[in-house]
PDB file of N, CA and C in Angstrom:
ATOM      1  N   UNK A   1      77.487 -48.628 -50.042  1.00  0.00           N
ATOM      2  CA  UNK A   1      76.237 -48.622 -49.312  1.00  0.00           C
ATOM      3  C   UNK A   1      75.097 -48.794 -50.311  1.00  0.00           C
ATOM      4  N   UNK A   2      74.210 -49.686 -50.000  1.00  0.00           N
ATOM      5  CA  UNK A   2      73.087 -49.978 -50.882  1.00  0.00           C
ATOM      6  C   UNK A   2      71.854 -49.189 -50.443  1.00  0.00           C
ATOM      7  N   UNK A   3      71.085 -48.745 -51.423  1.00  0.00           N
ATOM      8  CA  UNK A   3      69.810 -48.093 -51.124  1.00  0.00           C
ATOM      9  C   UNK A   3      68.684 -48.975 -51.639  1.00  0.00           C
ATOM     10  N   UNK A   4      67.532 -48.861 -50.989  1.00  0.00           N
ATOM     11  CA  UNK A   4      66.341 -49.581 -51.429  1.00  0.00           C
ATOM     12  C   UNK A   4      65.175 -48.604 -51.488  1.00  0.00           C
ATOM     13  N   UNK A   5      64.170 -48.966 -52.247  1.00  0.00           N
ATOM     14  CA  UNK A   5      62.981 -48.124 -52.376  1.00  0.00           C
ATOM     15  C   UNK A   5      62.007 -48.414 -51.235  1.00  0.00           C
ATOM     16  N   UNK A   6      61.017 -47.553 -51.103  1.00  0.00           N
ATOM     17  CA  UNK A   6      59.977 -47.763 -50.094  1.00  0.00           C
ATOM     18  C   UNK A   6      59.205 -49.053 -50.387  1.00  0.00           C
ATOM     19  N   UNK A   7      59.012 -49.360 -51.650  1.00  0.00           N
ATOM     20  CA  UNK A   7      58.322 -50.589 -52.029  1.00  0.00           C
ATOM     21  C   UNK A   7      59.134 -51.807 -51.589  1.00  0.00           C
ATOM     22  N   UNK A   8      60.441 -51.744 -51.783  1.00  0.00           N
ATOM     23  CA  UNK A   8      61.304 -52.840 -51.332  1.00  0.00           C
ATOM     24  C   UNK A   8      61.268 -52.968 -49.814  1.00  0.00           C
ATOM     25  N   UNK A   9      61.190 -51.842 -49.112  1.00  0.00           N
ATOM     26  CA  UNK A   9      61.099 -51.872 -47.650  1.00  0.00           C
ATOM     27  C   UNK A   9      59.880 -52.668 -47.219  1.00  0.00           C
ATOM     28  N   UNK A  10      58.757 -52.472 -47.880  1.00  0.00           N
ATOM     29  CA  UNK A  10      57.543 -53.226 -47.549  1.00  0.00           C
ATOM     30  C   UNK A  10      57.796 -54.731 -47.687  1.00  0.00           C
ATOM     31  N   UNK A  11      58.490 -55.122 -48.744  1.00  0.00           N
ATOM     32  CA  UNK A  11      58.786 -56.539 -48.972  1.00  0.00           C
ATOM     33  C   UNK A  11      59.685 -57.075 -47.860  1.00  0.00           C
ATOM     34  N   UNK A  12      60.744 -56.331 -47.525  1.00  0.00           N
ATOM     35  CA  UNK A  12      61.640 -56.762 -46.447  1.00  0.00           C
ATOM     36  C   UNK A  12      60.877 -56.891 -45.126  1.00  0.00           C
ATOM     37  N   UNK A  13      59.996 -55.958 -44.847  1.00  0.00           N
ATOM     38  CA  UNK A  13      59.229 -55.992 -43.595  1.00  0.00           C
ATOM     39  C   UNK A  13      58.304 -57.216 -43.564  1.00  0.00           C
ATOM     40  N   UNK A  14      57.676 -57.535 -44.686  1.00  0.00           N
ATOM     41  CA  UNK A  14      56.792 -58.706 -44.748  1.00  0.00           C
ATOM     42  C   UNK A  14      57.569 -60.005 -44.506  1.00  0.00           C
ATOM     43  N   UNK A  15      58.791 -60.066 -45.035  1.00  0.00           N
ATOM     44  CA  UNK A  15      59.593 -61.277 -44.868  1.00  0.00           C
ATOM     45  C   UNK A  15      59.950 -61.518 -43.405  1.00  0.00           C
ATOM     46  N   UNK A  16      60.106 -60.444 -42.638  1.00  0.00           N
ATOM     47  CA  UNK A  16      60.330 -60.562 -41.199  1.00  0.00           C
ATOM     48  C   UNK A  16      61.665 -61.135 -40.763  1.00  0.00           C
ATOM     49  N   UNK A  17      62.645 -61.191 -41.642  1.00  0.00           N
ATOM     50  CA  UNK A  17      63.937 -61.758 -41.246  1.00  0.00           C
ATOM     51  C   UNK A  17      65.077 -60.752 -41.277  1.00  0.00           C
ATOM     52  N   UNK A  18      64.746 -59.477 -41.338  1.00  0.00           N
ATOM     53  CA  UNK A  18      65.753 -58.423 -41.377  1.00  0.00           C
ATOM     54  C   UNK A  18      65.571 -57.495 -40.187  1.00  0.00           C
ATOM     55  N   UNK A  19      66.665 -56.941 -39.727  1.00  0.00           N
ATOM     56  CA  UNK A  19      66.612 -55.939 -38.668  1.00  0.00           C
ATOM     57  C   UNK A  19      66.318 -54.599 -39.336  1.00  0.00           C
ATOM     58  N   UNK A  20      65.150 -54.046 -39.062  1.00  0.00           N
ATOM     59  CA  UNK A  20      64.741 -52.760 -39.632  1.00  0.00           C
ATOM     60  C   UNK A  20      64.783 -51.737 -38.508  1.00  0.00           C
ATOM     61  N   UNK A  21      65.582 -50.695 -38.723  1.00  0.00           N
ATOM     62  CA  UNK A  21      65.797 -49.695 -37.686  1.00  0.00           C
ATOM     63  C   UNK A  21      65.234 -48.348 -38.114  1.00  0.00           C
ATOM     64  N   UNK A  22      64.397 -47.804 -37.265  1.00  0.00           N
ATOM     65  CA  UNK A  22      63.801 -46.485 -37.434  1.00  0.00           C
ATOM     66  C   UNK A  22      64.663 -45.495 -36.648  1.00  0.00           C
ATOM     67  N   UNK A  23      65.285 -44.566 -37.342  1.00  0.00           N
ATOM     68  CA  UNK A  23      66.185 -43.599 -36.711  1.00  0.00           C
ATOM     69  C   UNK A  23      65.477 -42.344 -36.196  1.00  0.00           C
ATOM     70  N   UNK A  24      64.182 -42.265 -36.397  1.00  0.00           N
ATOM     71  CA  UNK A  24      63.440 -41.070 -35.984  1.00  0.00           C
ATOM     72  C   UNK A  24      63.276 -41.024 -34.464  1.00  0.00           C
ATOM     73  N   UNK A  25      62.728 -39.946 -33.981  1.00  0.00           N
ATOM     74  CA  UNK A  25      62.529 -39.786 -32.530  1.00  0.00           C
ATOM     75  C   UNK A  25      61.528 -40.819 -32.010  1.00  0.00           C
ATOM     76  N   UNK A  26      61.562 -41.030 -30.708  1.00  0.00           N
ATOM     77  CA  UNK A  26      60.615 -41.959 -30.090  1.00  0.00           C
ATOM     78  C   UNK A  26      59.172 -41.511 -30.320  1.00  0.00           C
ATOM     79  N   UNK A  27      58.935 -40.207 -30.264  1.00  0.00           N
ATOM     80  CA  UNK A  27      57.581 -39.693 -30.476  1.00  0.00           C
ATOM     81  C   UNK A  27      57.095 -39.991 -31.894  1.00  0.00           C
ATOM     82  N   UNK A  28      57.959 -39.775 -32.886  1.00  0.00           N
ATOM     83  CA  UNK A  28      57.587 -40.085 -34.268  1.00  0.00           C
ATOM     84  C   UNK A  28      57.334 -41.577 -34.437  1.00  0.00           C
ATOM     85  N   UNK A  29      58.178 -42.386 -33.839  1.00  0.00           N
ATOM     86  CA  UNK A  29      58.024 -43.834 -33.919  1.00  0.00           C
ATOM     87  C   UNK A  29      56.688 -44.269 -33.323  1.00  0.00           C
ATOM     88  N   UNK A  30      56.327 -43.698 -32.171  1.00  0.00           N
ATOM     89  CA  UNK A  30      55.059 -44.044 -31.530  1.00  0.00           C
ATOM     90  C   UNK A  30      53.860 -43.678 -32.400  1.00  0.00           C
ATOM     91  N   UNK A  31      53.964 -42.565 -33.125  1.00  0.00           N
ATOM     92  CA  UNK A  31      52.856 -42.135 -33.993  1.00  0.00           C
ATOM     93  C   UNK A  31      52.617 -43.127 -35.126  1.00  0.00           C
ATOM     94  N   UNK A  32      53.699 -43.602 -35.728  1.00  0.00           N
ATOM     95  CA  UNK A  32      53.586 -44.534 -36.852  1.00  0.00           C
ATOM     96  C   UNK A  32      54.973 -45.033 -37.219  1.00  0.00           C
ATOM     97  N   UNK A  33      55.058 -46.259 -37.665  1.00  0.00           N
ATOM     98  CA  UNK A  33      56.336 -46.835 -38.075  1.00  0.00           C
ATOM     99  C   UNK A  33      56.095 -48.047 -38.964  1.00  0.00           C
ATOM    100  N   UNK A  34      57.154 -48.537 -39.545  1.00  0.00           N
ATOM    101  CA  UNK A  34      57.102 -49.736 -40.361  1.00  0.00           C
ATOM    102  C   UNK A  34      56.897 -50.932 -39.435  1.00  0.00           C
ATOM    103  N   UNK A  35      55.968 -51.795 -39.785  1.00  0.00           N
ATOM    104  CA  UNK A  35      55.695 -52.981 -38.976  1.00  0.00           C
ATOM    105  C   UNK A  35      56.974 -53.805 -38.813  1.00  0.00           C
ATOM    106  N   UNK A  36      57.312 -54.122 -37.580  1.00  0.00           N
ATOM    107  CA  UNK A  36      58.494 -54.920 -37.289  1.00  0.00           C
ATOM    108  C   UNK A  36      59.760 -54.118 -37.039  1.00  0.00           C
ATOM    109  N   UNK A  37      59.699 -52.808 -37.258  1.00  0.00           N
ATOM    110  CA  UNK A  37      60.877 -51.955 -37.047  1.00  0.00           C
ATOM    111  C   UNK A  37      61.111 -51.727 -35.556  1.00  0.00           C
ATOM    112  N   UNK A  38      62.367 -51.487 -35.216  1.00  0.00           N
ATOM    113  CA  UNK A  38      62.719 -51.090 -33.851  1.00  0.00           C
ATOM    114  C   UNK A  38      63.214 -49.647 -33.899  1.00  0.00           C
ATOM    115  N   UNK A  39      62.913 -48.926 -32.865  1.00  0.00           N
ATOM    116  CA  UNK A  39      63.317 -47.524 -32.798  1.00  0.00           C
ATOM    117  C   UNK A  39      64.660 -47.413 -32.101  1.00  0.00           C
ATOM    118  N   UNK A  40      65.654 -46.947 -32.854  1.00  0.00           N
ATOM    119  CA  UNK A  40      66.991 -46.730 -32.316  1.00  0.00           C
ATOM    120  C   UNK A  40      67.422 -45.338 -32.765  1.00  0.00           C
ATOM    121  N   UNK A  41      67.078 -44.315 -31.981  1.00  0.00           N
ATOM    122  CA  UNK A  41      67.506 -42.973 -32.370  1.00  0.00           C
ATOM    123  C   UNK A  41      69.012 -42.920 -32.579  1.00  0.00           C
ATOM    124  N   UNK A  42      69.447 -42.079 -33.484  1.00  0.00           N
ATOM    125  CA  UNK A  42      70.863 -41.983 -33.845  1.00  0.00           C
ATOM    126  C   UNK A  42      71.752 -41.940 -32.611  1.00  0.00           C
ATOM    127  N   UNK A  43      72.848 -42.692 -32.672  1.00  0.00           N
ATOM    128  CA  UNK A  43      73.829 -42.674 -31.600  1.00  0.00           C
ATOM    129  C   UNK A  43      73.604 -43.710 -30.522  1.00  0.00           C
ATOM    130  N   UNK A  44      72.586 -44.559 -30.654  1.00  0.00           N
ATOM    131  CA  UNK A  44      72.292 -45.556 -29.623  1.00  0.00           C
ATOM    132  C   UNK A  44      72.360 -46.981 -30.172  1.00  0.00           C
ATOM    133  N   UNK A  45      73.332 -47.242 -31.029  1.00  0.00           N
ATOM    134  CA  UNK A  45      73.405 -48.521 -31.707  1.00  0.00           C
ATOM    135  C   UNK A  45      74.102 -49.624 -30.939  1.00  0.00           C
ATOM    136  N   UNK A  46      74.892 -49.304 -29.967  1.00  0.00           N
ATOM    137  CA  UNK A  46      75.757 -50.298 -29.327  1.00  0.00           C
ATOM    138  C   UNK A  46      75.016 -51.581 -28.953  1.00  0.00           C
ATOM    139  N   UNK A  47      73.991 -51.495 -28.151  1.00  0.00           N
ATOM    140  CA  UNK A  47      73.283 -52.693 -27.704  1.00  0.00           C
ATOM    141  C   UNK A  47      72.482 -53.362 -28.800  1.00  0.00           C
ATOM    142  N   UNK A  48      71.819 -52.592 -29.625  1.00  0.00           N
ATOM    143  CA  UNK A  48      70.938 -53.140 -30.654  1.00  0.00           C
ATOM    144  C   UNK A  48      71.690 -53.908 -31.727  1.00  0.00           C
ATOM    145  N   UNK A  49      72.894 -53.487 -32.065  1.00  0.00           N
ATOM    146  CA  UNK A  49      73.628 -54.109 -33.161  1.00  0.00           C
ATOM    147  C   UNK A  49      74.735 -55.048 -32.714  1.00  0.00           C
ATOM    148  N   UNK A  50      74.931 -55.185 -31.442  1.00  0.00           N
ATOM    149  CA  UNK A  50      76.007 -56.028 -30.928  1.00  0.00           C
ATOM    150  C   UNK A  50      75.880 -57.453 -31.462  1.00  0.00           C
ATOM    151  N   UNK A  51      76.939 -57.929 -32.112  1.00  0.00           N
ATOM    152  CA  UNK A  51      76.973 -59.286 -32.633  1.00  0.00           C
ATOM    153  C   UNK A  51      76.185 -59.523 -33.898  1.00  0.00           C
ATOM    154  N   UNK A  52      75.771 -58.481 -34.598  1.00  0.00           N
ATOM    155  CA  UNK A  52      74.935 -58.643 -35.796  1.00  0.00           C
ATOM    156  C   UNK A  52      75.663 -58.270 -37.086  1.00  0.00           C
ATOM    157  N   UNK A  53      76.980 -58.292 -37.092  1.00  0.00           N
ATOM    158  CA  UNK A  53      77.739 -57.879 -38.267  1.00  0.00           C
ATOM    159  C   UNK A  53      77.366 -58.663 -39.518  1.00  0.00           C
ATOM    160  N   UNK A  54      76.977 -59.918 -39.413  1.00  0.00           N
ATOM    161  CA  UNK A  54      76.653 -60.719 -40.589  1.00  0.00           C
ATOM    162  C   UNK A  54      75.253 -60.504 -41.133  1.00  0.00           C
ATOM    163  N   UNK A  55      74.406 -59.827 -40.389  1.00  0.00           N
ATOM    164  CA  UNK A  55      73.019 -59.624 -40.801  1.00  0.00           C
ATOM    165  C   UNK A  55      72.860 -58.372 -41.648  1.00  0.00           C
ATOM    166  N   UNK A  56      71.809 -58.367 -42.445  1.00  0.00           N
ATOM    167  CA  UNK A  56      71.465 -57.168 -43.211  1.00  0.00           C
ATOM    168  C   UNK A  56      70.638 -56.259 -42.314  1.00  0.00           C
ATOM    169  N   UNK A  57      71.059 -55.016 -42.214  1.00  0.00           N
ATOM    170  CA  UNK A  57      70.374 -54.018 -41.404  1.00  0.00           C
ATOM    171  C   UNK A  57      69.776 -52.988 -42.354  1.00  0.00           C
ATOM    172  N   UNK A  58      68.490 -52.729 -42.200  1.00  0.00           N
ATOM    173  CA  UNK A  58      67.802 -51.753 -43.040  1.00  0.00           C
ATOM    174  C   UNK A  58      67.458 -50.558 -42.170  1.00  0.00           C
ATOM    175  N   UNK A  59      67.872 -49.377 -42.623  1.00  0.00           N
ATOM    176  CA  UNK A  59      67.658 -48.161 -41.845  1.00  0.00           C
ATOM    177  C   UNK A  59      66.773 -47.169 -42.592  1.00  0.00           C
ATOM    178  N   UNK A  60      65.940 -46.489 -41.827  1.00  0.00           N
ATOM    179  CA  UNK A  60      65.192 -45.377 -42.403  1.00  0.00           C
ATOM    180  C   UNK A  60      65.070 -44.260 -41.383  1.00  0.00           C
ATOM    181  N   UNK A  61      64.957 -43.050 -41.899  1.00  0.00           N
ATOM    182  CA  UNK A  61      64.746 -41.864 -41.070  1.00  0.00           C
ATOM    183  C   UNK A  61      63.539 -41.148 -41.672  1.00  0.00           C
ATOM    184  N   UNK A  62      63.423 -39.865 -41.458  1.00  0.00           N
ATOM    185  CA  UNK A  62      62.268 -39.143 -41.981  1.00  0.00           C
ATOM    186  C   UNK A  62      62.321 -39.005 -43.497  1.00  0.00           C
ATOM    187  N   UNK A  63      63.450 -38.540 -44.030  1.00  0.00           N
ATOM    188  CA  UNK A  63      63.551 -38.284 -45.472  1.00  0.00           C
ATOM    189  C   UNK A  63      64.664 -39.051 -46.181  1.00  0.00           C
ATOM    190  N   UNK A  64      65.525 -39.731 -45.457  1.00  0.00           N
ATOM    191  CA  UNK A  64      66.546 -40.563 -46.075  1.00  0.00           C
ATOM    192  C   UNK A  64      67.984 -40.118 -45.908  1.00  0.00           C
ATOM    193  N   UNK A  65      68.223 -38.858 -45.588  1.00  0.00           N
ATOM    194  CA  UNK A  65      69.601 -38.370 -45.492  1.00  0.00           C
ATOM    195  C   UNK A  65      70.342 -38.972 -44.297  1.00  0.00           C
ATOM    196  N   UNK A  66      69.713 -38.986 -43.144  1.00  0.00           N
ATOM    197  CA  UNK A  66      70.358 -39.529 -41.949  1.00  0.00           C
ATOM    198  C   UNK A  66      70.618 -41.024 -42.105  1.00  0.00           C
ATOM    199  N   UNK A  67      69.652 -41.756 -42.639  1.00  0.00           N
ATOM    200  CA  UNK A  67      69.847 -43.202 -42.788  1.00  0.00           C
ATOM    201  C   UNK A  67      70.978 -43.511 -43.767  1.00  0.00           C
ATOM    202  N   UNK A  68      71.161 -42.684 -44.781  1.00  0.00           N
ATOM    203  CA  UNK A  68      72.282 -42.887 -45.703  1.00  0.00           C
ATOM    204  C   UNK A  68      73.608 -42.693 -44.976  1.00  0.00           C
ATOM    205  N   UNK A  69      73.691 -41.657 -44.187  1.00  0.00           N
ATOM    206  CA  UNK A  69      74.910 -41.368 -43.442  1.00  0.00           C
ATOM    207  C   UNK A  69      75.226 -42.480 -42.444  1.00  0.00           C
ATOM    208  N   UNK A  70      74.225 -42.917 -41.699  1.00  0.00           N
ATOM    209  CA  UNK A  70      74.426 -43.967 -40.706  1.00  0.00           C
ATOM    210  C   UNK A  70      74.768 -45.286 -41.397  1.00  0.00           C
ATOM    211  N   UNK A  71      74.150 -45.574 -42.537  1.00  0.00           N
ATOM    212  CA  UNK A  71      74.449 -46.801 -43.286  1.00  0.00           C
ATOM    213  C   UNK A  71      75.909 -46.833 -43.702  1.00  0.00           C
ATOM    214  N   UNK A  72      76.408 -45.722 -44.195  1.00  0.00           N
ATOM    215  CA  UNK A  72      77.824 -45.653 -44.585  1.00  0.00           C
ATOM    216  C   UNK A  72      78.735 -45.927 -43.385  1.00  0.00           C
ATOM    217  N   UNK A  73      78.395 -45.330 -42.270  1.00  0.00           N
ATOM    218  CA  UNK A  73      79.202 -45.518 -41.060  1.00  0.00           C
ATOM    219  C   UNK A  73      79.162 -46.974 -40.602  1.00  0.00           C
ATOM    220  N   UNK A  74      78.004 -47.586 -40.634  1.00  0.00           N
ATOM    221  CA  UNK A  74      77.890 -48.983 -40.221  1.00  0.00           C
ATOM    222  C   UNK A  74      78.693 -49.894 -41.147  1.00  0.00           C
ATOM    223  N   UNK A  75      78.662 -49.608 -42.439  1.00  0.00           N
ATOM    224  CA  UNK A  75      79.432 -50.423 -43.381  1.00  0.00           C
ATOM    225  C   UNK A  75      80.927 -50.318 -43.114  1.00  0.00           C
ATOM    226  N   UNK A  76      81.381 -49.160 -42.691  1.00  0.00           N
ATOM    227  CA  UNK A  76      82.796 -49.000 -42.334  1.00  0.00           C
ATOM    228  C   UNK A  76      83.174 -49.887 -41.148  1.00  0.00           C
ATOM    229  N   UNK A  77      82.167 -50.267 -40.350  1.00  0.00           N
ATOM    230  CA  UNK A  77      82.412 -51.108 -39.174  1.00  0.00           C
ATOM    231  C   UNK A  77      82.000 -52.566 -39.419  1.00  0.00           C
ATOM    232  N   UNK A  78      81.815 -52.935 -40.673  1.00  0.00           N
ATOM    233  CA  UNK A  78      81.578 -54.329 -41.005  1.00  0.00           C
ATOM    234  C   UNK A  78      80.140 -54.792 -41.092  1.00  0.00           C
ATOM    235  N   UNK A  79      79.184 -53.892 -41.009  1.00  0.00           N
ATOM    236  CA  UNK A  79      77.781 -54.277 -41.118  1.00  0.00           C
ATOM    237  C   UNK A  79      77.317 -54.204 -42.569  1.00  0.00           C
ATOM    238  N   UNK A  80      76.319 -55.004 -42.919  1.00  0.00           N
ATOM    239  CA  UNK A  80      75.662 -54.900 -44.220  1.00  0.00           C
ATOM    240  C   UNK A  80      74.442 -54.008 -44.014  1.00  0.00           C
ATOM    241  N   UNK A  81      74.513 -52.785 -44.508  1.00  0.00           N
ATOM    242  CA  UNK A  81      73.457 -51.807 -44.246  1.00  0.00           C
ATOM    243  C   UNK A  81      72.813 -51.341 -45.542  1.00  0.00           C
ATOM    244  N   UNK A  82      71.504 -51.137 -45.471  1.00  0.00           N
ATOM    245  CA  UNK A  82      70.740 -50.603 -46.595  1.00  0.00           C
ATOM    246  C   UNK A  82      69.937 -49.416 -46.085  1.00  0.00           C
ATOM    247  N   UNK A  83      69.873 -48.372 -46.897  1.00  0.00           N
ATOM    248  CA  UNK A  83      69.133 -47.169 -46.536  1.00  0.00           C
ATOM    249  C   UNK A  83      67.924 -47.017 -47.455  1.00  0.00           C
ATOM    250  N   UNK A  84      66.810 -46.590 -46.889  1.00  0.00           N
ATOM    251  CA  UNK A  84      65.579 -46.400 -47.664  1.00  0.00           C
ATOM    252  C   UNK A  84      65.592 -45.010 -48.290  1.00  0.00           C
ATOM    253  N   UNK A  85      65.560 -44.981 -49.619  1.00  0.00           N
ATOM    254  CA  UNK A  85      65.545 -43.713 -50.346  1.00  0.00           C
ATOM    255  C   UNK A  85      64.235 -42.982 -50.038  1.00  0.00           C
ATOM    256  N   UNK A  86      64.347 -41.745 -49.606  1.00  0.00           N
ATOM    257  CA  UNK A  86      63.156 -40.956 -49.285  1.00  0.00           C
ATOM    258  C   UNK A  86      62.633 -41.170 -47.884  1.00  0.00           C
ATOM    259  N   UNK A  87      63.186 -42.143 -47.168  1.00  0.00           N
ATOM    260  CA  UNK A  87      62.841 -42.368 -45.774  1.00  0.00           C
ATOM    261  C   UNK A  87      61.388 -42.731 -45.520  1.00  0.00           C
ATOM    262  N   UNK A  88      60.944 -42.438 -44.310  1.00  0.00           N
ATOM    263  CA  UNK A  88      59.588 -42.804 -43.889  1.00  0.00           C
ATOM    264  C   UNK A  88      58.533 -42.077 -44.711  1.00  0.00           C
ATOM    265  N   UNK A  89      58.844 -40.875 -45.148  1.00  0.00           N
ATOM    266  CA  UNK A  89      57.872 -40.142 -45.976  1.00  0.00           C
ATOM    267  C   UNK A  89      57.581 -40.882 -47.273  1.00  0.00           C
ATOM    268  N   UNK A  90      58.611 -41.431 -47.909  1.00  0.00           N
ATOM    269  CA  UNK A  90      58.417 -42.210 -49.131  1.00  0.00           C
ATOM    270  C   UNK A  90      57.631 -43.485 -48.824  1.00  0.00           C
ATOM    271  N   UNK A  91      57.923 -44.091 -47.681  1.00  0.00           N
ATOM    272  CA  UNK A  91      57.193 -45.291 -47.268  1.00  0.00           C
ATOM    273  C   UNK A  91      55.709 -44.974 -47.083  1.00  0.00           C
ATOM    274  N   UNK A  92      55.407 -43.844 -46.423  1.00  0.00           N
ATOM    275  CA  UNK A  92      54.010 -43.458 -46.223  1.00  0.00           C
ATOM    276  C   UNK A  92      53.294 -43.230 -47.552  1.00  0.00           C
ATOM    277  N   UNK A  93      53.955 -42.560 -48.484  1.00  0.00           N
ATOM    278  CA  UNK A  93      53.360 -42.335 -49.808  1.00  0.00           C
ATOM    279  C   UNK A  93      53.063 -43.663 -50.487  1.00  0.00           C
ATOM    280  N   UNK A  94      53.996 -44.590 -50.419  1.00  0.00           N
ATOM    281  CA  UNK A  94      53.836 -45.914 -51.013  1.00  0.00           C
ATOM    282  C   UNK A  94      52.674 -46.657 -50.349  1.00  0.00           C
ATOM    283  N   UNK A  95      52.648 -46.635 -49.031  1.00  0.00           N
ATOM    284  CA  UNK A  95      51.596 -47.331 -48.284  1.00  0.00           C
ATOM    285  C   UNK A  95      50.224 -46.730 -48.570  1.00  0.00           C
ATOM    286  N   UNK A  96      50.149 -45.398 -48.575  1.00  0.00           N
ATOM    287  CA  UNK A  96      48.867 -44.735 -48.844  1.00  0.00           C
ATOM    288  C   UNK A  96      48.373 -45.009 -50.257  1.00  0.00           C
ATOM    289  N   UNK A  97      49.272 -45.023 -51.227  1.00  0.00           N
ATOM    290  CA  UNK A  97      48.891 -45.316 -52.611  1.00  0.00           C
ATOM    291  C   UNK A  97      48.376 -46.749 -52.720  1.00  0.00           C
ATOM    292  N   UNK A  98      49.030 -47.680 -52.044  1.00  0.00           N
ATOM    293  CA  UNK A  98      48.594 -49.079 -52.060  1.00  0.00           C
ATOM    294  C   UNK A  98      47.223 -49.223 -51.426  1.00  0.00           C
ATOM    295  N   UNK A  99      47.006 -48.545 -50.295  1.00  0.00           N
ATOM    296  CA  UNK A  99      45.727 -48.624 -49.595  1.00  0.00           C
ATOM    297  C   UNK A  99      44.597 -48.006 -50.435  1.00  0.00           C
ATOM    298  N   UNK A 100      44.879 -46.879 -51.102  1.00  0.00           N
ATOM    299  CA  UNK A 100      43.872 -46.261 -51.978  1.00  0.00           C
ATOM    300  C   UNK A 100      43.513 -47.189 -53.120  1.00  0.00           C
ATOM    301  N   UNK A 101      44.500 -47.856 -53.683  1.00  0.00           N
ATOM    302  CA  UNK A 101      44.280 -48.788 -54.780  1.00  0.00           C
ATOM    303  C   UNK A 101      43.402 -49.949 -54.322  1.00  0.00           C
ATOM    304  N   UNK A 102      43.644 -50.429 -53.092  1.00  0.00           N
ATOM    305  CA  UNK A 102      42.858 -51.543 -52.563  1.00  0.00           C
ATOM    306  C   UNK A 102      41.415 -51.162 -52.257  1.00  0.00           C
ATOM    307  N   UNK A 103      41.165 -49.874 -51.976  1.00  0.00           N
ATOM    308  CA  UNK A 103      39.825 -49.404 -51.662  1.00  0.00           C
ATOM    309  C   UNK A 103      38.964 -49.326 -52.914  1.00  0.00           C
ATOM    310  N   UNK A 104      39.599 -48.984 -54.042  1.00  0.00           N
ATOM    311  CA  UNK A 104      38.849 -48.799 -55.297  1.00  0.00           C
ATOM    312  C   UNK A 104      38.370 -50.077 -55.897  1.00  0.00           C
TER     313      UNK A 104
END
């Protein structure tokens, strides 16, 4: 199972050709999420991933533990999965640091 950084997640999201899955609750997703991500709370993958075994799937949760676990499980079923180290919290820190830098 491959891991990526929050900075790499931003790059993947900008490219727009990867399936990015937010494993957090619907309420958390509504509050804020990675641009282009789809919300698929844990255990609801059947429809979203059907027929996508050849694609790279990028997963994130709040802190990274759940996405690592789900990534491992998906790889056992033939998917190419990547987990974001530190999850959405790391992404927010990265995004906020970038925005502060742009303001200065």
